[in-house]
């Protein structure tokens, strides 16, 4: 079982910083490359750029919660929730009859 995890390409868990503007303020986010890839996928599905998606998520979490203690962690959790939802949707699709 552990082979699945330990054989992951190191580039996937290498961190990368990206500067973007959120609510008019330039900020830097540092995430692992795998999470940047997932955020890009979510943005493409929603017809946005990654920066637009991140800004929208920030606005929505601030409107809903009033604060976000660790936005990078929030984005990571959002990515895992997206993957779980996508997996659940695939499992719910009707199976073709033989």
Protein backbone atom coordinates (compact mmCIF):
# COMPACT_ATOMS: atom_id res chain seq x y z
CA UNK A 1 0.00 0.00 0.00
CA UNK A 2 2.71 2.50 0.92
CA UNK A 3 4.32 2.18 -2.52
CA UNK A 4 1.45 4.19 -3.97
CA UNK A 5 2.46 7.09 -1.75
CA UNK A 6 6.24 6.81 -1.50
CA UNK A 7 6.66 6.50 -5.26
CA UNK A 8 4.91 9.83 -5.88
CA UNK A 9 6.90 12.17 -8.08
CA UNK A 10 8.70 14.60 -5.71
CA UNK A 11 7.68 17.50 -7.95
CA UNK A 12 4.08 16.92 -6.78
CA UNK A 13 4.89 17.70 -3.15
CA UNK A 14 7.37 20.45 -3.88
CA UNK A 15 5.97 23.78 -2.68
CA UNK A 16 5.54 26.72 -5.00
CA UNK A 17 4.63 30.29 -4.13
CA UNK A 18 2.32 32.34 -6.28
CA UNK A 19 1.52 36.03 -5.94
CA UNK A 20 -2.02 37.16 -6.59
CA UNK A 21 -4.38 39.98 -5.77
CA UNK A 22 -7.21 39.30 -3.32
CA UNK A 23 -9.61 42.15 -2.58
CA UNK A 24 -7.10 44.59 -4.02
CA UNK A 25 -4.20 43.38 -1.88
CA UNK A 26 -1.25 41.53 -3.38
CA UNK A 27 -0.55 38.40 -1.36
CA UNK A 28 1.55 35.28 -1.75
CA UNK A 29 0.24 31.76 -1.33
CA UNK A 30 2.50 28.76 -0.91
CA UNK A 31 1.05 25.36 -1.83
CA UNK A 32 2.37 22.06 -3.06
CA UNK A 33 2.32 21.64 -6.85
CA UNK A 34 -0.35 18.93 -6.63
CA UNK A 35 -2.75 21.41 -5.02
CA UNK A 36 -2.00 24.08 -7.64
CA UNK A 37 -2.86 21.48 -10.29
CA UNK A 38 -6.17 20.63 -8.60
CA UNK A 39 -7.07 24.31 -8.21
CA UNK A 40 -6.34 24.82 -11.91
CA UNK A 41 -8.68 21.91 -12.73
CA UNK A 42 -11.46 23.32 -10.55
CA UNK A 43 -11.03 26.74 -12.13
CA UNK A 44 -11.19 25.27 -15.66
CA UNK A 45 -14.38 23.36 -14.81
CA UNK A 46 -15.90 26.62 -13.54
CA UNK A 47 -14.64 28.67 -16.53
CA UNK A 48 -12.22 30.78 -14.50
CA UNK A 49 -8.53 31.32 -14.07
CA UNK A 50 -6.89 29.90 -10.97
CA UNK A 51 -6.47 33.39 -9.54
CA UNK A 52 -10.15 34.18 -10.14
CA UNK A 53 -11.15 30.95 -8.40
CA UNK A 54 -8.94 31.66 -5.40
CA UNK A 55 -10.31 35.21 -5.10
CA UNK A 56 -13.87 33.90 -5.31
CA UNK A 57 -13.20 31.25 -2.67
CA UNK A 58 -11.67 33.89 -0.40
CA UNK A 59 -14.66 36.20 -0.85
CA UNK A 60 -17.12 33.39 -0.18
CA UNK A 61 -15.38 32.05 2.93
CA UNK A 62 -15.05 35.57 4.31
CA UNK A 63 -18.73 36.28 3.64
CA UNK A 64 -19.73 32.98 5.25
CA UNK A 65 -17.29 32.81 8.19
CA UNK A 66 -16.10 36.41 8.61
CA UNK A 67 -12.50 35.23 8.85
CA UNK A 68 -10.18 32.50 7.68
CA UNK A 69 -7.33 31.62 9.99
CA UNK A 70 -5.22 29.68 7.48
CA UNK A 71 -6.26 30.30 3.88
CA UNK A 72 -3.66 27.92 2.40
CA UNK A 73 -5.05 25.09 4.54
CA UNK A 74 -8.57 26.08 3.51
CA UNK A 75 -7.51 25.73 -0.15
CA UNK A 76 -5.97 22.30 0.48
CA UNK A 77 -9.16 21.10 2.16
CA UNK A 78 -11.20 22.57 -0.70
CA UNK A 79 -9.11 20.52 -3.13
CA UNK A 80 -9.67 17.29 -1.20
CA UNK A 81 -13.40 18.01 -0.95
CA UNK A 82 -13.51 18.59 -4.72
CA UNK A 83 -11.78 15.25 -5.33
CA UNK A 84 -14.15 13.46 -2.95
CA UNK A 85 -17.17 15.03 -4.65
CA UNK A 86 -15.83 14.12 -8.09
CA UNK A 87 -15.25 10.53 -6.95
CA UNK A 88 -18.76 10.30 -5.49
CA UNK A 89 -20.25 11.67 -8.71
CA UNK A 90 -18.40 9.07 -10.79
CA UNK A 91 -19.70 6.29 -8.53
CA UNK A 92 -23.28 7.59 -8.85
CA UNK A 93 -23.33 7.49 -12.66
CA UNK A 94 -25.71 4.87 -14.04
CA UNK A 95 -23.94 1.81 -15.31
CA UNK A 96 -24.39 0.78 -18.92
CA UNK A 97 -26.49 -2.33 -19.36
CA UNK A 98 -25.07 -5.27 -21.25
